[in-house]
Amino acid sequence: MQTKNSNISNFPIGEENTLYQQYFSGKSWLAPLTKNKDLNVPMNNVTFEPGCRNNWHSHTGGQILIAVGGVGYYQERGKEAQRLELGDVVEIAPNIEHWHGAAPDSWFSHIAIECNPQTNNNKWLDPVSDEEYAEAVGKK
C-alpha cells in the first residue's frame, strides 16, 4: 500500500483530493496555495502517487502547470506526451483536451494555476486508459 510522500517538494501536500477523486486514477492530494480571492489567481499544489493521472479534461480559461517535485507527464489529445521534471512549465491554452499525472515509478507534484478564473470552467472527460498511459510513458 502506498502512503503519502510528504518530502516531494517544499510546498505543502495538503489533504487527499476526495472532491475530485472520481476524475483521477489513483490517489492525489490538493493544497491550496492562495487564499486571497481579490488577487484572482487560484493556485494549488497537486501531488500524485506513482501511476496516478487525471482524466482527459479541458479548461475554458486555460491553465499553467509548474513541476515542483518528482517526475510526471503531460499530454494533449493527439500529441506526444511530454515528461515533466522539476522546474518545467506547461502553458495550456483554453479548451485544449489534456491530462497530467505521475510517472509509473515516481511521485509527482505540480502547481496548477487557474487562468482567467472569473470565466474558467473545467470540462471533465473520459479516463486515460491504461493502454494510453502506457504508450504515453513509454511502457508498452
Protein backbone atom coordinates (compact mmCIF):
# COMPACT_ATOMS: atom_id res chain seq x y z
CA MET A 1 0.00 0.00 0.00
CA GLN A 2 1.35 3.40 -0.97
CA THR A 3 1.43 6.20 1.54
CA LYS A 4 1.60 9.95 1.20
CA ASN A 5 5.08 11.24 0.29
CA SER A 6 5.46 14.46 2.29
CA ASN A 7 9.04 15.11 1.13
CA ILE A 8 8.40 15.51 -2.59
CA SER A 9 8.76 19.32 -2.64
CA ASN A 10 8.98 22.36 -0.40
CA PHE A 11 5.27 23.03 -0.96
CA PRO A 12 2.57 21.57 1.29
CA ILE A 13 0.96 18.31 0.18
CA GLY A 14 -2.44 19.18 1.63
CA GLU A 15 -5.34 16.80 2.04
CA GLU A 16 -6.35 13.80 -0.01
CA ASN A 17 -8.19 15.06 -3.09
CA THR A 18 -11.53 13.37 -2.36
CA LEU A 19 -13.62 16.11 -4.02
CA TYR A 20 -12.22 15.24 -7.46
CA GLN A 21 -11.21 11.61 -6.89
CA GLN A 22 -13.71 10.38 -9.50
CA TYR A 23 -11.58 12.19 -12.14
CA PHE A 24 -8.28 10.56 -11.09
CA SER A 25 -6.93 7.03 -11.41
CA GLY A 26 -5.07 6.56 -8.15
CA LYS A 27 -4.68 8.91 -5.21
CA SER A 28 -3.88 12.59 -5.31
CA TRP A 29 -3.57 15.38 -2.74
CA LEU A 30 -4.51 19.04 -3.02
CA ALA A 31 -3.02 22.03 -1.18
CA PRO A 32 -4.44 25.50 -1.93
CA LEU A 33 -1.55 27.98 -2.07
CA THR A 34 -3.52 31.22 -2.46
CA LYS A 35 -6.42 32.31 -0.30
CA ASN A 36 -6.98 35.98 -1.19
CA LYS A 37 -9.81 35.86 -3.76
CA ASP A 38 -9.20 39.57 -4.58
CA LEU A 39 -5.90 38.61 -6.21
CA ASN A 40 -7.84 36.45 -8.68
CA VAL A 41 -5.03 33.89 -9.18
CA PRO A 42 -6.07 30.49 -7.78
CA MET A 43 -3.02 28.25 -7.29
CA ASN A 44 -2.91 24.73 -5.87
CA ASN A 45 -0.15 22.22 -5.32
CA VAL A 46 -1.37 18.87 -6.66
CA THR A 47 0.52 15.72 -5.69
CA PHE A 48 0.05 12.37 -7.45
CA GLU A 49 1.11 8.96 -6.19
CA PRO A 50 3.09 6.88 -8.72
CA GLY A 51 0.96 5.99 -11.74
CA CYS A 52 -1.86 8.36 -10.81
CA ARG A 53 -3.19 10.61 -13.54
CA ASN A 54 -6.30 12.68 -14.07
CA ASN A 55 -8.91 12.15 -16.78
CA TRP A 56 -8.78 13.88 -20.10
CA HIS A 57 -10.15 17.36 -19.47
CA SER A 58 -10.05 20.97 -20.61
CA HIS A 59 -10.31 24.41 -19.03
CA THR A 60 -12.26 27.17 -20.74
CA GLY A 61 -9.78 29.74 -19.41
CA GLY A 62 -6.57 27.74 -19.74
CA GLN A 63 -4.12 26.54 -17.11
CA ILE A 64 -0.43 26.75 -16.21
CA LEU A 65 1.43 23.86 -14.56
CA ILE A 66 4.79 24.21 -12.80
CA ALA A 67 6.53 20.95 -11.88
CA VAL A 68 7.88 21.18 -8.32
CA GLY A 69 8.83 17.60 -7.46
CA GLY A 70 9.21 14.08 -8.80
CA VAL A 71 8.57 13.04 -12.39
CA GLY A 72 5.32 13.40 -14.27
CA TYR A 73 3.76 13.57 -17.71
CA TYR A 74 1.52 15.96 -19.62
CA GLN A 75 -0.25 15.11 -22.84
CA GLU A 76 -2.57 16.97 -25.19
CA ARG A 77 -5.01 14.81 -27.12
CA GLY A 78 -3.49 13.77 -30.43
CA LYS A 79 0.08 14.74 -29.46
CA GLU A 80 3.06 13.00 -27.89
CA ALA A 81 3.26 13.09 -24.09
CA GLN A 82 5.93 15.26 -22.53
CA ARG A 83 7.94 14.22 -19.47
CA LEU A 84 7.86 16.79 -16.65
CA GLU A 85 10.64 17.31 -14.13
CA LEU A 86 11.43 19.93 -11.51
CA GLY A 87 11.09 23.45 -12.94
CA ASP A 88 9.25 22.53 -16.14
CA VAL A 89 6.38 24.86 -17.05
CA VAL A 90 3.42 23.91 -19.22
CA GLU A 91 1.15 26.60 -20.66
CA ILE A 92 -2.20 25.09 -21.62
CA ALA A 93 -4.37 27.16 -23.94
CA PRO A 94 -8.11 27.39 -23.31
CA ASN A 95 -10.23 24.40 -24.36
CA ILE A 96 -7.27 22.08 -25.08
CA GLU A 97 -8.06 18.49 -24.07
CA HIS A 98 -5.22 17.08 -21.97
CA TRP A 99 -4.22 15.04 -18.93
CA HIS A 100 -1.34 15.13 -16.45
CA GLY A 101 -0.05 12.89 -13.71
CA ALA A 102 2.83 10.95 -12.20
CA ALA A 103 5.30 8.61 -13.86
CA PRO A 104 4.66 4.94 -13.06
CA ASP A 105 7.64 4.79 -10.69
CA SER A 106 7.69 8.30 -9.18
CA TRP A 107 5.60 10.62 -7.07
CA PHE A 108 4.86 13.93 -8.82
CA SER A 109 3.82 17.40 -7.65
CA HIS A 110 2.92 20.42 -9.71
CA ILE A 111 1.48 23.82 -9.01
CA ALA A 112 -1.70 24.32 -11.01
CA ILE A 113 -2.57 27.92 -11.80
CA GLU A 114 -6.08 28.64 -12.98
CA CYS A 115 -6.06 31.23 -15.77
CA ASN A 116 -8.99 33.61 -16.29
CA PRO A 117 -10.70 32.25 -13.15
CA GLN A 118 -13.73 34.50 -13.45
CA THR A 119 -14.81 32.56 -16.57
CA ASN A 120 -12.74 29.35 -16.34
CA ASN A 121 -14.65 26.07 -16.09
CA ASN A 122 -13.29 22.54 -16.13
CA LYS A 123 -14.79 20.06 -18.54
CA TRP A 124 -14.01 16.54 -17.29
CA LEU A 125 -13.92 13.85 -19.97
CA ASP A 126 -13.08 10.14 -20.24
CA PRO A 127 -10.38 8.47 -18.15
CA VAL A 128 -6.93 7.95 -19.66
CA SER A 129 -6.91 4.22 -20.37
CA ASP A 130 -4.12 2.00 -19.12
CA GLU A 131 -3.10 1.49 -22.76
CA GLU A 132 -2.97 5.25 -23.47
CA TYR A 133 -0.98 5.82 -20.28
CA ALA A 134 1.48 3.00 -21.03
CA GLU A 135 2.06 4.35 -24.53
CA ALA A 136 2.49 7.92 -23.22
CA VAL A 137 5.11 6.95 -20.64
CA GLY A 138 6.93 4.50 -22.91
CA LYS A 139 5.87 1.29 -21.17
CA LYS A 140 4.48 -0.86 -23.94
